[in-house]
Amino acid sequence: MIRYTLARIYYLWGSLHRNFGNRSSFRREHLSAIKRFTQAYDADPSLREARLDRGIILYRELGLHDEAMADFDALLAEDPHYGPALLNRAMAAQESGLYPQALADLDAYLALPVENEEY
């Protein structure tokens, strides 16, 4: 129970840093968010949103596509039908010029049933 609670605290803390980073464009805030999302995922590996959000920041805000792809690959190894990871891996692959992989991920994503209106 303590690890569960601690993971959620780290995740919320990371979300605050992410928000500050997005509003201010301060790299240090995004790096702090990555640190907190990593701590959250380490404390509770079932909190896959922490790893997903870390991957999103890595490719979208910091341009670290390989590191982001590693996060998305790991999430999809656990659950090949995890839509948010498929979509974000496709976008990171597209930005890296890996168009066949991006297209394959988008096709797989579009074949999934709609579970989350955000995605």
PDB file of N, CA and C in Angstrom:
ATOM      1  N   MET A   1       0.816  -1.195   0.000  1.00  0.00           N
ATOM      2  CA  MET A   1       0.000   0.000   0.000  1.00  0.00           C
ATOM      3  C   MET A   1       0.859   1.259   0.000  1.00  0.00           C
ATOM      4  N   ILE A   2       1.992   1.213   0.708  1.00  0.00           N
ATOM      5  CA  ILE A   2       2.874   2.374   0.776  1.00  0.00           C
ATOM      6  C   ILE A   2       3.487   2.646  -0.597  1.00  0.00           C
ATOM      7  N   ARG A   3       3.924   1.593  -1.295  1.00  0.00           N
ATOM      8  CA  ARG A   3       4.518   1.778  -2.626  1.00  0.00           C
ATOM      9  C   ARG A   3       3.483   2.332  -3.606  1.00  0.00           C
ATOM     10  N   TYR A   4       2.264   1.874  -3.500  1.00  0.00           N
ATOM     11  CA  TYR A   4       1.178   2.361  -4.341  1.00  0.00           C
ATOM     12  C   TYR A   4       0.985   3.866  -4.130  1.00  0.00           C
ATOM     13  N   THR A   5       0.890   4.269  -2.870  1.00  0.00           N
ATOM     14  CA  THR A   5       0.687   5.679  -2.535  1.00  0.00           C
ATOM     15  C   THR A   5       1.894   6.515  -2.944  1.00  0.00           C
ATOM     16  N   LEU A   6       3.078   6.018  -2.662  1.00  0.00           N
ATOM     17  CA  LEU A   6       4.298   6.730  -3.022  1.00  0.00           C
ATOM     18  C   LEU A   6       4.389   6.923  -4.543  1.00  0.00           C
ATOM     19  N   ALA A   7       4.028   5.899  -5.296  1.00  0.00           N
ATOM     20  CA  ALA A   7       4.057   5.998  -6.755  1.00  0.00           C
ATOM     21  C   ALA A   7       3.121   7.095  -7.244  1.00  0.00           C
ATOM     22  N   ARG A   8       1.944   7.179  -6.659  1.00  0.00           N
ATOM     23  CA  ARG A   8       0.989   8.211  -7.081  1.00  0.00           C
ATOM     24  C   ARG A   8       1.454   9.609  -6.704  1.00  0.00           C
ATOM     25  N   ILE A   9       2.113   9.727  -5.564  1.00  0.00           N
ATOM     26  CA  ILE A   9       2.671  11.029  -5.169  1.00  0.00           C
ATOM     27  C   ILE A   9       3.749  11.451  -6.158  1.00  0.00           C
ATOM     28  N   TYR A  10       4.660  10.526  -6.484  1.00  0.00           N
ATOM     29  CA  TYR A  10       5.699  10.844  -7.469  1.00  0.00           C
ATOM     30  C   TYR A  10       5.079  11.202  -8.823  1.00  0.00           C
ATOM     31  N   TYR A  11       4.032  10.481  -9.199  1.00  0.00           N
ATOM     32  CA  TYR A  11       3.385  10.749 -10.487  1.00  0.00           C
ATOM     33  C   TYR A  11       2.769  12.148 -10.499  1.00  0.00           C
ATOM     34  N   LEU A  12       2.081  12.515  -9.445  1.00  0.00           N
ATOM     35  CA  LEU A  12       1.501  13.860  -9.371  1.00  0.00           C
ATOM     36  C   LEU A  12       2.579  14.936  -9.359  1.00  0.00           C
ATOM     37  N   TRP A  13       3.658  14.674  -8.651  1.00  0.00           N
ATOM     38  CA  TRP A  13       4.781  15.597  -8.593  1.00  0.00           C
ATOM     39  C   TRP A  13       5.375  15.767  -9.997  1.00  0.00           C
ATOM     40  N   GLY A  14       5.529  14.653 -10.703  1.00  0.00           N
ATOM     41  CA  GLY A  14       6.026  14.707 -12.074  1.00  0.00           C
ATOM     42  C   GLY A  14       5.085  15.474 -12.987  1.00  0.00           C
ATOM     43  N   SER A  15       3.799  15.302 -12.793  1.00  0.00           N
ATOM     44  CA  SER A  15       2.810  16.021 -13.603  1.00  0.00           C
ATOM     45  C   SER A  15       2.904  17.529 -13.388  1.00  0.00           C
ATOM     46  N   LEU A  16       3.182  17.937 -12.150  1.00  0.00           N
ATOM     47  CA  LEU A  16       3.370  19.365 -11.875  1.00  0.00           C
ATOM     48  C   LEU A  16       4.589  19.900 -12.619  1.00  0.00           C
ATOM     49  N   HIS A  17       5.694  19.166 -12.549  1.00  0.00           N
ATOM     50  CA  HIS A  17       6.905  19.592 -13.267  1.00  0.00           C
ATOM     51  C   HIS A  17       6.646  19.645 -14.770  1.00  0.00           C
ATOM     52  N   ARG A  18       5.920  18.674 -15.276  1.00  0.00           N
ATOM     53  CA  ARG A  18       5.603  18.661 -16.709  1.00  0.00           C
ATOM     54  C   ARG A  18       4.787  19.901 -17.088  1.00  0.00           C
ATOM     55  N   ASN A  19       3.797  20.212 -16.283  1.00  0.00           N
ATOM     56  CA  ASN A  19       2.971  21.391 -16.543  1.00  0.00           C
ATOM     57  C   ASN A  19       3.812  22.666 -16.506  1.00  0.00           C
ATOM     58  N   PHE A  20       4.664  22.792 -15.488  1.00  0.00           N
ATOM     59  CA  PHE A  20       5.532  23.973 -15.408  1.00  0.00           C
ATOM     60  C   PHE A  20       6.460  24.030 -16.621  1.00  0.00           C
ATOM     61  N   GLY A  21       6.987  22.887 -17.017  1.00  0.00           N
ATOM     62  CA  GLY A  21       7.871  22.848 -18.179  1.00  0.00           C
ATOM     63  C   GLY A  21       7.164  23.230 -19.462  1.00  0.00           C
ATOM     64  N   ASN A  22       5.941  22.758 -19.620  1.00  0.00           N
ATOM     65  CA  ASN A  22       5.179  23.094 -20.821  1.00  0.00           C
ATOM     66  C   ASN A  22       4.828  24.581 -20.864  1.00  0.00           C
ATOM     67  N   ARG A  23       4.536  25.149 -19.718  1.00  0.00           N
ATOM     68  CA  ARG A  23       4.163  26.571 -19.670  1.00  0.00           C
ATOM     69  C   ARG A  23       5.359  27.489 -19.828  1.00  0.00           C
ATOM     70  N   SER A  24       6.503  27.062 -19.322  1.00  0.00           N
ATOM     71  CA  SER A  24       7.674  27.947 -19.295  1.00  0.00           C
ATOM     72  C   SER A  24       8.751  27.571 -20.315  1.00  0.00           C
ATOM     73  N   SER A  25       8.638  26.369 -20.886  1.00  0.00           N
ATOM     74  CA  SER A  25       9.658  25.843 -21.804  1.00  0.00           C
ATOM     75  C   SER A  25      11.015  25.682 -21.120  1.00  0.00           C
ATOM     76  N   PHE A  26      11.001  25.452 -19.819  1.00  0.00           N
ATOM     77  CA  PHE A  26      12.241  25.216 -19.087  1.00  0.00           C
ATOM     78  C   PHE A  26      12.584  23.731 -19.160  1.00  0.00           C
ATOM     79  N   ARG A  27      13.725  23.437 -19.735  1.00  0.00           N
ATOM     80  CA  ARG A  27      14.193  22.055 -19.871  1.00  0.00           C
ATOM     81  C   ARG A  27      14.323  21.377 -18.502  1.00  0.00           C
ATOM     82  N   ARG A  28      14.772  22.136 -17.517  1.00  0.00           N
ATOM     83  CA  ARG A  28      14.980  21.538 -16.191  1.00  0.00           C
ATOM     84  C   ARG A  28      13.681  21.008 -15.600  1.00  0.00           C
ATOM     85  N   GLU A  29      12.555  21.657 -15.913  1.00  0.00           N
ATOM     86  CA  GLU A  29      11.267  21.164 -15.414  1.00  0.00           C
ATOM     87  C   GLU A  29      10.905  19.836 -16.075  1.00  0.00           C
ATOM     88  N   HIS A  30      11.177  19.720 -17.368  1.00  0.00           N
ATOM     89  CA  HIS A  30      10.909  18.447 -18.047  1.00  0.00           C
ATOM     90  C   HIS A  30      11.833  17.343 -17.518  1.00  0.00           C
ATOM     91  N   LEU A  31      13.075  17.690 -17.240  1.00  0.00           N
ATOM     92  CA  LEU A  31      13.993  16.700 -16.664  1.00  0.00           C
ATOM     93  C   LEU A  31      13.533  16.274 -15.269  1.00  0.00           C
ATOM     94  N   SER A  32      13.021  17.223 -14.501  1.00  0.00           N
ATOM     95  CA  SER A  32      12.484  16.878 -13.172  1.00  0.00           C
ATOM     96  C   SER A  32      11.247  15.995 -13.300  1.00  0.00           C
ATOM     97  N   ALA A  33      10.420  16.270 -14.301  1.00  0.00           N
ATOM     98  CA  ALA A  33       9.240  15.429 -14.525  1.00  0.00           C
ATOM     99  C   ALA A  33       9.663  14.007 -14.867  1.00  0.00           C
ATOM    100  N   ILE A  34      10.669  13.866 -15.718  1.00  0.00           N
ATOM    101  CA  ILE A  34      11.161  12.531 -16.069  1.00  0.00           C
ATOM    102  C   ILE A  34      11.655  11.801 -14.827  1.00  0.00           C
ATOM    103  N   LYS A  35      12.376  12.506 -13.981  1.00  0.00           N
ATOM    104  CA  LYS A  35      12.883  11.899 -12.737  1.00  0.00           C
ATOM    105  C   LYS A  35      11.730  11.389 -11.874  1.00  0.00           C
ATOM    106  N   ARG A  36      10.693  12.198 -11.705  1.00  0.00           N
ATOM    107  CA  ARG A  36       9.565  11.806 -10.852  1.00  0.00           C
ATOM    108  C   ARG A  36       8.742  10.682 -11.486  1.00  0.00           C
ATOM    109  N   PHE A  37       8.553  10.724 -12.812  1.00  0.00           N
ATOM    110  CA  PHE A  37       7.837   9.635 -13.474  1.00  0.00           C
ATOM    111  C   PHE A  37       8.623   8.330 -13.354  1.00  0.00           C
ATOM    112  N   THR A  38       9.931   8.415 -13.428  1.00  0.00           N
ATOM    113  CA  THR A  38      10.766   7.221 -13.248  1.00  0.00           C
ATOM    114  C   THR A  38      10.612   6.669 -11.841  1.00  0.00           C
ATOM    115  N   GLN A  39      10.627   7.554 -10.850  1.00  0.00           N
ATOM    116  CA  GLN A  39      10.445   7.118  -9.466  1.00  0.00           C
ATOM    117  C   GLN A  39       9.070   6.486  -9.268  1.00  0.00           C
ATOM    118  N   ALA A  40       8.059   7.068  -9.890  1.00  0.00           N
ATOM    119  CA  ALA A  40       6.706   6.522  -9.767  1.00  0.00           C
ATOM    120  C   ALA A  40       6.639   5.125 -10.362  1.00  0.00           C
ATOM    121  N   TYR A  41       7.212   4.953 -11.549  1.00  0.00           N
ATOM    122  CA  TYR A  41       7.158   3.653 -12.213  1.00  0.00           C
ATOM    123  C   TYR A  41       7.988   2.623 -11.451  1.00  0.00           C
ATOM    124  N   ASP A  42       9.130   3.041 -10.912  1.00  0.00           N
ATOM    125  CA  ASP A  42       9.961   2.130 -10.122  1.00  0.00           C
ATOM    126  C   ASP A  42       9.234   1.688  -8.855  1.00  0.00           C
ATOM    127  N   ALA A  43       8.484   2.597  -8.241  1.00  0.00           N
ATOM    128  CA  ALA A  43       7.759   2.262  -7.016  1.00  0.00           C
ATOM    129  C   ALA A  43       6.580   1.336  -7.299  1.00  0.00           C
ATOM    130  N   ASP A  44       5.943   1.514  -8.472  1.00  0.00           N
ATOM    131  CA  ASP A  44       4.785   0.686  -8.829  1.00  0.00           C
ATOM    132  C   ASP A  44       4.753   0.483 -10.344  1.00  0.00           C
ATOM    133  N   PRO A  45       5.339  -0.611 -10.838  1.00  0.00           N
ATOM    134  CA  PRO A  45       5.375  -0.865 -12.281  1.00  0.00           C
ATOM    135  C   PRO A  45       4.000  -1.051 -12.931  1.00  0.00           C
ATOM    136  N   SER A  46       2.957  -1.173 -12.135  1.00  0.00           N
ATOM    137  CA  SER A  46       1.621  -1.247 -12.737  1.00  0.00           C
ATOM    138  C   SER A  46       1.098   0.141 -13.124  1.00  0.00           C
ATOM    139  N   LEU A  47       1.785   1.193 -12.704  1.00  0.00           N
ATOM    140  CA  LEU A  47       1.404   2.564 -13.049  1.00  0.00           C
ATOM    141  C   LEU A  47       2.030   2.909 -14.404  1.00  0.00           C
ATOM    142  N   ARG A  48       1.479   2.310 -15.446  1.00  0.00           N
ATOM    143  CA  ARG A  48       2.071   2.465 -16.772  1.00  0.00           C
ATOM    144  C   ARG A  48       1.934   3.883 -17.315  1.00  0.00           C
ATOM    145  N   GLU A  49       1.014   4.668 -16.775  1.00  0.00           N
ATOM    146  CA  GLU A  49       0.882   6.051 -17.211  1.00  0.00           C
ATOM    147  C   GLU A  49       2.164   6.836 -16.932  1.00  0.00           C
ATOM    148  N   ALA A  50       2.875   6.466 -15.867  1.00  0.00           N
ATOM    149  CA  ALA A  50       4.124   7.154 -15.547  1.00  0.00           C
ATOM    150  C   ALA A  50       5.160   6.902 -16.638  1.00  0.00           C
ATOM    151  N   ARG A  51       5.255   5.663 -17.080  1.00  0.00           N
ATOM    152  CA  ARG A  51       6.217   5.355 -18.139  1.00  0.00           C
ATOM    153  C   ARG A  51       5.777   5.960 -19.468  1.00  0.00           C
ATOM    154  N   LEU A  52       4.493   5.958 -19.736  1.00  0.00           N
ATOM    155  CA  LEU A  52       3.970   6.574 -20.950  1.00  0.00           C
ATOM    156  C   LEU A  52       4.287   8.067 -20.973  1.00  0.00           C
ATOM    157  N   ASP A  53       3.992   8.753 -19.878  1.00  0.00           N
ATOM    158  CA  ASP A  53       4.239  10.199 -19.822  1.00  0.00           C
ATOM    159  C   ASP A  53       5.726  10.513 -19.913  1.00  0.00           C
ATOM    160  N   ARG A  54       6.557   9.664 -19.322  1.00  0.00           N
ATOM    161  CA  ARG A  54       8.006   9.859 -19.444  1.00  0.00           C
ATOM    162  C   ARG A  54       8.421   9.762 -20.908  1.00  0.00           C
ATOM    163  N   GLY A  55       7.903   8.764 -21.613  1.00  0.00           N
ATOM    164  CA  GLY A  55       8.234   8.610 -23.022  1.00  0.00           C
ATOM    165  C   GLY A  55       7.774   9.793 -23.861  1.00  0.00           C
ATOM    166  N   ILE A  56       6.593  10.305 -23.551  1.00  0.00           N
ATOM    167  CA  ILE A  56       6.065  11.453 -24.293  1.00  0.00           C
ATOM    168  C   ILE A  56       6.968  12.668 -24.116  1.00  0.00           C
ATOM    169  N   ILE A  57       7.377  12.933 -22.894  1.00  0.00           N
ATOM    170  CA  ILE A  57       8.274  14.067 -22.659  1.00  0.00           C
ATOM    171  C   ILE A  57       9.604  13.850 -23.362  1.00  0.00           C
ATOM    172  N   LEU A  58      10.112  12.621 -23.309  1.00  0.00           N
ATOM    173  CA  LEU A  58      11.407  12.347 -23.930  1.00  0.00           C
ATOM    174  C   LEU A  58      11.411  12.684 -25.415  1.00  0.00           C
ATOM    175  N   TYR A  59      10.375  12.266 -26.144  1.00  0.00           N
ATOM    176  CA  TYR A  59      10.418  12.537 -27.586  1.00  0.00           C
ATOM    177  C   TYR A  59       9.855  13.905 -27.936  1.00  0.00           C
ATOM    178  N   ARG A  60       8.800  14.322 -27.279  1.00  0.00           N
ATOM    179  CA  ARG A  60       8.120  15.540 -27.715  1.00  0.00           C
ATOM    180  C   ARG A  60       8.817  16.809 -27.204  1.00  0.00           C
ATOM    181  N   GLU A  61       9.195  16.816 -25.951  1.00  0.00           N
ATOM    182  CA  GLU A  61       9.798  18.019 -25.385  1.00  0.00           C
ATOM    183  C   GLU A  61      11.318  18.036 -25.488  1.00  0.00           C
ATOM    184  N   LEU A  62      11.950  16.862 -25.408  1.00  0.00           N
ATOM    185  CA  LEU A  62      13.410  16.820 -25.365  1.00  0.00           C
ATOM    186  C   LEU A  62      14.050  16.267 -26.634  1.00  0.00           C
ATOM    187  N   GLY A  63      13.254  15.708 -27.531  1.00  0.00           N
ATOM    188  CA  GLY A  63      13.800  15.179 -28.783  1.00  0.00           C
ATOM    189  C   GLY A  63      14.646  13.926 -28.624  1.00  0.00           C
ATOM    190  N   LEU A  64      14.465  13.200 -27.538  1.00  0.00           N
ATOM    191  CA  LEU A  64      15.227  11.965 -27.284  1.00  0.00           C
ATOM    192  C   LEU A  64      14.393  10.770 -27.754  1.00  0.00           C
ATOM    193  N   HIS A  65      14.371  10.585 -29.048  1.00  0.00           N
ATOM    194  CA  HIS A  65      13.482   9.598 -29.658  1.00  0.00           C
ATOM    195  C   HIS A  65      13.827   8.159 -29.282  1.00  0.00           C
ATOM    196  N   ASP A  66      15.108   7.816 -29.258  1.00  0.00           N
ATOM    197  CA  ASP A  66      15.489   6.435 -28.940  1.00  0.00           C
ATOM    198  C   ASP A  66      15.058   6.045 -27.525  1.00  0.00           C
ATOM    199  N   GLU A  67      15.265   6.957 -26.578  1.00  0.00           N
ATOM    200  CA  GLU A  67      14.876   6.684 -25.202  1.00  0.00           C
ATOM    201  C   GLU A  67      13.358   6.563 -25.085  1.00  0.00           C
ATOM    202  N   ALA A  68      12.648   7.425 -25.790  1.00  0.00           N
ATOM    203  CA  ALA A  68      11.186   7.363 -25.779  1.00  0.00           C
ATOM    204  C   ALA A  68      10.697   6.058 -26.390  1.00  0.00           C
ATOM    205  N   MET A  69      11.297   5.675 -27.507  1.00  0.00           N
ATOM    206  CA  MET A  69      10.895   4.429 -28.168  1.00  0.00           C
ATOM    207  C   MET A  69      11.119   3.237 -27.238  1.00  0.00           C
ATOM    208  N   ALA A  70      12.167   3.274 -26.443  1.00  0.00           N
ATOM    209  CA  ALA A  70      12.417   2.181 -25.492  1.00  0.00           C
ATOM    210  C   ALA A  70      11.279   2.088 -24.471  1.00  0.00           C
ATOM    211  N   ASP A  71      10.791   3.243 -23.995  1.00  0.00           N
ATOM    212  CA  ASP A  71       9.660   3.230 -23.063  1.00  0.00           C
ATOM    213  C   ASP A  71       8.406   2.672 -23.737  1.00  0.00           C
ATOM    214  N   PHE A  72       8.107   3.144 -24.938  1.00  0.00           N
ATOM    215  CA  PHE A  72       6.906   2.670 -25.639  1.00  0.00           C
ATOM    216  C   PHE A  72       7.021   1.187 -25.979  1.00  0.00           C
ATOM    217  N   ASP A  73       8.216   0.749 -26.396  1.00  0.00           N
ATOM    218  CA  ASP A  73       8.424  -0.675 -26.703  1.00  0.00           C
ATOM    219  C   ASP A  73       8.182  -1.537 -25.463  1.00  0.00           C
ATOM    220  N   ALA A  74       8.687  -1.084 -24.313  1.00  0.00           N
ATOM    221  CA  ALA A  74       8.507  -1.853 -23.074  1.00  0.00           C
ATOM    222  C   ALA A  74       7.028  -1.926 -22.687  1.00  0.00           C
ATOM    223  N   LEU A  75       6.318  -0.815 -22.821  1.00  0.00           N
ATOM    224  CA  LEU A  75       4.882  -0.820 -22.514  1.00  0.00           C
ATOM    225  C   LEU A  75       4.121  -1.758 -23.446  1.00  0.00           C
ATOM    226  N   LEU A  76       4.492  -1.761 -24.715  1.00  0.00           N
ATOM    227  CA  LEU A  76       3.803  -2.618 -25.682  1.00  0.00           C
ATOM    228  C   LEU A  76       4.215  -4.079 -25.547  1.00  0.00           C
ATOM    229  N   ALA A  77       5.385  -4.336 -24.991  1.00  0.00           N
ATOM    230  CA  ALA A  77       5.773  -5.726 -24.709  1.00  0.00           C
ATOM    231  C   ALA A  77       4.875  -6.296 -23.614  1.00  0.00           C
ATOM    232  N   GLU A  78       4.481  -5.454 -22.665  1.00  0.00           N
ATOM    233  CA  GLU A  78       3.580  -5.872 -21.597  1.00  0.00           C
ATOM    234  C   GLU A  78       2.147  -6.001 -22.092  1.00  0.00           C
ATOM    235  N   ASP A  79       1.729  -5.093 -22.968  1.00  0.00           N
ATOM    236  CA  ASP A  79       0.358  -5.078 -23.482  1.00  0.00           C
ATOM    237  C   ASP A  79       0.384  -4.558 -24.922  1.00  0.00           C
ATOM    238  N   PRO A  80       0.397  -5.450 -25.914  1.00  0.00           N
ATOM    239  CA  PRO A  80       0.482  -5.032 -27.318  1.00  0.00           C
ATOM    240  C   PRO A  80      -0.705  -4.196 -27.795  1.00  0.00           C
ATOM    241  N   HIS A  81      -1.768  -4.135 -27.003  1.00  0.00           N
ATOM    242  CA  HIS A  81      -2.967  -3.386 -27.393  1.00  0.00           C
ATOM    243  C   HIS A  81      -3.140  -2.101 -26.582  1.00  0.00           C
ATOM    244  N   TYR A  82      -2.057  -1.629 -25.982  1.00  0.00           N
ATOM    245  CA  TYR A  82      -2.114  -0.391 -25.199  1.00  0.00           C
ATOM    246  C   TYR A  82      -2.065   0.794 -26.173  1.00  0.00           C
ATOM    247  N   GLY A  83      -3.244   1.311 -26.483  1.00  0.00           N
ATOM    248  CA  GLY A  83      -3.413   2.336 -27.503  1.00  0.00           C
ATOM    249  C   GLY A  83      -2.559   3.577 -27.336  1.00  0.00           C
ATOM    250  N   PRO A  84      -2.506   4.180 -26.156  1.00  0.00           N
ATOM    251  CA  PRO A  84      -1.688   5.387 -26.014  1.00  0.00           C
ATOM    252  C   PRO A  84      -0.213   5.150 -26.345  1.00  0.00           C
ATOM    253  N   ALA A  85       0.319   3.988 -26.002  1.00  0.00           N
ATOM    254  CA  ALA A  85       1.719   3.690 -26.332  1.00  0.00           C
ATOM    255  C   ALA A  85       1.885   3.486 -27.839  1.00  0.00           C
ATOM    256  N   LEU A  86       0.913   2.825 -28.468  1.00  0.00           N
ATOM    257  CA  LEU A  86       0.977   2.642 -29.929  1.00  0.00           C
ATOM    258  C   LEU A  86       0.958   3.982 -30.654  1.00  0.00           C
ATOM    259  N   LEU A  87       0.053   4.850 -30.269  1.00  0.00           N
ATOM    260  CA  LEU A  87      -0.072   6.145 -30.929  1.00  0.00           C
ATOM    261  C   LEU A  87       1.183   6.992 -30.735  1.00  0.00           C
ATOM    262  N   ASN A  88       1.683   7.042 -29.519  1.00  0.00           N
ATOM    263  CA  ASN A  88       2.870   7.854 -29.261  1.00  0.00           C
ATOM    264  C   ASN A  88       4.128   7.260 -29.871  1.00  0.00           C
ATOM    265  N   ARG A  89       4.221   5.932 -29.922  1.00  0.00           N
ATOM    266  CA  ARG A  89       5.362   5.321 -30.607  1.00  0.00           C
ATOM    267  C   ARG A  89       5.304   5.653 -32.090  1.00  0.00           C
ATOM    268  N   ALA A  90       4.108   5.663 -32.665  1.00  0.00           N
ATOM    269  CA  ALA A  90       3.960   6.022 -34.078  1.00  0.00           C
ATOM    270  C   ALA A  90       4.423   7.458 -34.318  1.00  0.00           C
ATOM    271  N   MET A  91       4.052   8.367 -33.453  1.00  0.00           N
ATOM    272  CA  MET A  91       4.444   9.767 -33.633  1.00  0.00           C
ATOM    273  C   MET A  91       5.947   9.946 -33.449  1.00  0.00           C
ATOM    274  N   ALA A  92       6.527   9.241 -32.485  1.00  0.00           N
ATOM    275  CA  ALA A  92       7.978   9.320 -32.286  1.00  0.00           C
ATOM    276  C   ALA A  92       8.713   8.706 -33.475  1.00  0.00           C
ATOM    277  N   ALA A  93       8.184   7.604 -33.999  1.00  0.00           N
ATOM    278  CA  ALA A  93       8.803   6.969 -35.175  1.00  0.00           C
ATOM    279  C   ALA A  93       8.727   7.900 -36.377  1.00  0.00           C
ATOM    280  N   GLN A  94       7.604   8.564 -36.552  1.00  0.00           N
ATOM    281  CA  GLN A  94       7.459   9.504 -37.666  1.00  0.00           C
ATOM    282  C   GLN A  94       8.485  10.627 -37.547  1.00  0.00           C
ATOM    283  N   GLU A  95       8.643  11.191 -36.366  1.00  0.00           N
ATOM    284  CA  GLU A  95       9.612  12.264 -36.163  1.00  0.00           C
ATOM    285  C   GLU A  95      11.044  11.793 -36.385  1.00  0.00           C
ATOM    286  N   SER A  96      11.280  10.489 -36.208  1.00  0.00           N
ATOM    287  CA  SER A  96      12.608   9.921 -36.426  1.00  0.00           C
ATOM    288  C   SER A  96      12.816   9.485 -37.878  1.00  0.00           C
ATOM    289  N   GLY A  97      11.794   9.634 -38.702  1.00  0.00           N
ATOM    290  CA  GLY A  97      11.904   9.231 -40.101  1.00  0.00           C
ATOM    291  C   GLY A  97      11.681   7.750 -40.329  1.00  0.00           C
ATOM    292  N   LEU A  98      11.151   7.054 -39.344  1.00  0.00           N
ATOM    293  CA  LEU A  98      10.881   5.620 -39.453  1.00  0.00           C
ATOM    294  C   LEU A  98       9.440   5.437 -39.921  1.00  0.00           C
ATOM    295  N   TYR A  99       9.186   5.820 -41.158  1.00  0.00           N
ATOM    296  CA  TYR A  99       7.818   5.881 -41.662  1.00  0.00           C
ATOM    297  C   TYR A  99       7.112   4.534 -41.746  1.00  0.00           C
ATOM    298  N   PRO A 100       7.776   3.457 -42.174  1.00  0.00           N
ATOM    299  CA  PRO A 100       7.061   2.160 -42.185  1.00  0.00           C
ATOM    300  C   PRO A 100       6.615   1.725 -40.782  1.00  0.00           C
ATOM    301  N   GLN A 101       7.481   1.935 -39.784  1.00  0.00           N
ATOM    302  CA  GLN A 101       7.099   1.576 -38.414  1.00  0.00           C
ATOM    303  C   GLN A 101       5.967   2.476 -37.931  1.00  0.00           C
ATOM    304  N   ALA A 102       6.038   3.763 -38.238  1.00  0.00           N
ATOM    305  CA  ALA A 102       4.981   4.687 -37.828  1.00  0.00           C
ATOM    306  C   ALA A 102       3.649   4.275 -38.440  1.00  0.00           C
ATOM    307  N   LEU A 103       3.668   3.926 -39.712  1.00  0.00           N
ATOM    308  CA  LEU A 103       2.435   3.514 -40.390  1.00  0.00           C
ATOM    309  C   LEU A 103       1.881   2.221 -39.795  1.00  0.00           C
ATOM    310  N   ALA A 104       2.756   1.266 -39.512  1.00  0.00           N
ATOM    311  CA  ALA A 104       2.318  -0.004 -38.915  1.00  0.00           C
ATOM    312  C   ALA A 104       1.683   0.239 -37.543  1.00  0.00           C
ATOM    313  N   ASP A 105       2.306   1.108 -36.749  1.00  0.00           N
ATOM    314  CA  ASP A 105       1.748   1.413 -35.423  1.00  0.00           C
ATOM    315  C   ASP A 105       0.416   2.136 -35.539  1.00  0.00           C
ATOM    316  N   LEU A 106       0.300   3.060 -36.487  1.00  0.00           N
ATOM    317  CA  LEU A 106      -0.971   3.760 -36.668  1.00  0.00           C
ATOM    318  C   LEU A 106      -2.068   2.813 -37.138  1.00  0.00           C
ATOM    319  N   ASP A 107      -1.727   1.899 -38.036  1.00  0.00           N
ATOM    320  CA  ASP A 107      -2.712   0.897 -38.475  1.00  0.00           C
ATOM    321  C   ASP A 107      -3.176   0.045 -37.300  1.00  0.00           C
ATOM    322  N   ALA A 108      -2.220  -0.390 -36.463  1.00  0.00           N
ATOM    323  CA  ALA A 108      -2.572  -1.199 -35.287  1.00  0.00           C
ATOM    324  C   ALA A 108      -3.417  -0.389 -34.318  1.00  0.00           C
ATOM    325  N   TYR A 109      -3.077   0.872 -34.155  1.00  0.00           N
ATOM    326  CA  TYR A 109      -3.833   1.744 -33.258  1.00  0.00           C
ATOM    327  C   TYR A 109      -5.268   1.935 -33.752  1.00  0.00           C
ATOM    328  N   LEU A 110      -5.426   2.179 -35.040  1.00  0.00           N
ATOM    329  CA  LEU A 110      -6.754   2.403 -35.595  1.00  0.00           C
ATOM    330  C   LEU A 110      -7.624   1.154 -35.583  1.00  0.00           C
ATOM    331  N   ALA A 111      -6.996  -0.011 -35.502  1.00  0.00           N
ATOM    332  CA  ALA A 111      -7.744  -1.267 -35.440  1.00  0.00           C
ATOM    333  C   ALA A 111      -8.273  -1.557 -34.040  1.00  0.00           C
ATOM    334  N   LEU A 112      -7.792  -0.813 -33.039  1.00  0.00           N
ATOM    335  CA  LEU A 112      -8.230  -1.037 -31.663  1.00  0.00           C
ATOM    336  C   LEU A 112      -9.626  -0.462 -31.439  1.00  0.00           C
ATOM    337  N   PRO A 113     -10.402  -1.077 -30.546  1.00  0.00           N
ATOM    338  CA  PRO A 113     -11.688  -0.476 -30.183  1.00  0.00           C
ATOM    339  C   PRO A 113     -11.454   0.821 -29.393  1.00  0.00           C
ATOM    340  N   VAL A 114     -12.358   1.749 -29.519  1.00  0.00           N
ATOM    341  CA  VAL A 114     -12.222   3.029 -28.805  1.00  0.00           C
ATOM    342  C   VAL A 114     -12.504   2.787 -27.333  1.00  0.00           C
ATOM    343  N   GLU A 115     -11.492   3.031 -26.497  1.00  0.00           N
ATOM    344  CA  GLU A 115     -11.643   2.878 -25.055  1.00  0.00           C
ATOM    345  C   GLU A 115     -11.526   4.211 -24.347  1.00  0.00           C
ATOM    346  N   ASN A 116     -10.784   5.125 -24.948  1.00  0.00           N
ATOM    347  CA  ASN A 116     -10.499   6.399 -24.309  1.00  0.00           C
ATOM    348  C   ASN A 116     -10.731   7.491 -25.340  1.00  0.00           C
ATOM    349  N   GLU A 117     -11.723   8.316 -25.119  1.00  0.00           N
ATOM    350  CA  GLU A 117     -12.073   9.356 -26.091  1.00  0.00           C
ATOM    351  C   GLU A 117     -10.931  10.343 -26.304  1.00  0.00           C
ATOM    352  N   GLU A 118     -10.036  10.482 -25.312  1.00  0.00           N
ATOM    353  CA  GLU A 118      -8.906  11.389 -25.465  1.00  0.00           C
ATOM    354  C   GLU A 118      -8.010  10.943 -26.604  1.00  0.00           C
ATOM    355  N   TYR A 119      -7.866   9.639 -26.762  1.00  0.00           N
ATOM    356  CA  TYR A 119      -7.024   9.112 -27.823  1.00  0.00           C
ATOM    357  C   TYR A 119      -7.878   8.705 -29.020  1.00  0.00           C
TER     358      TYR A 119
END
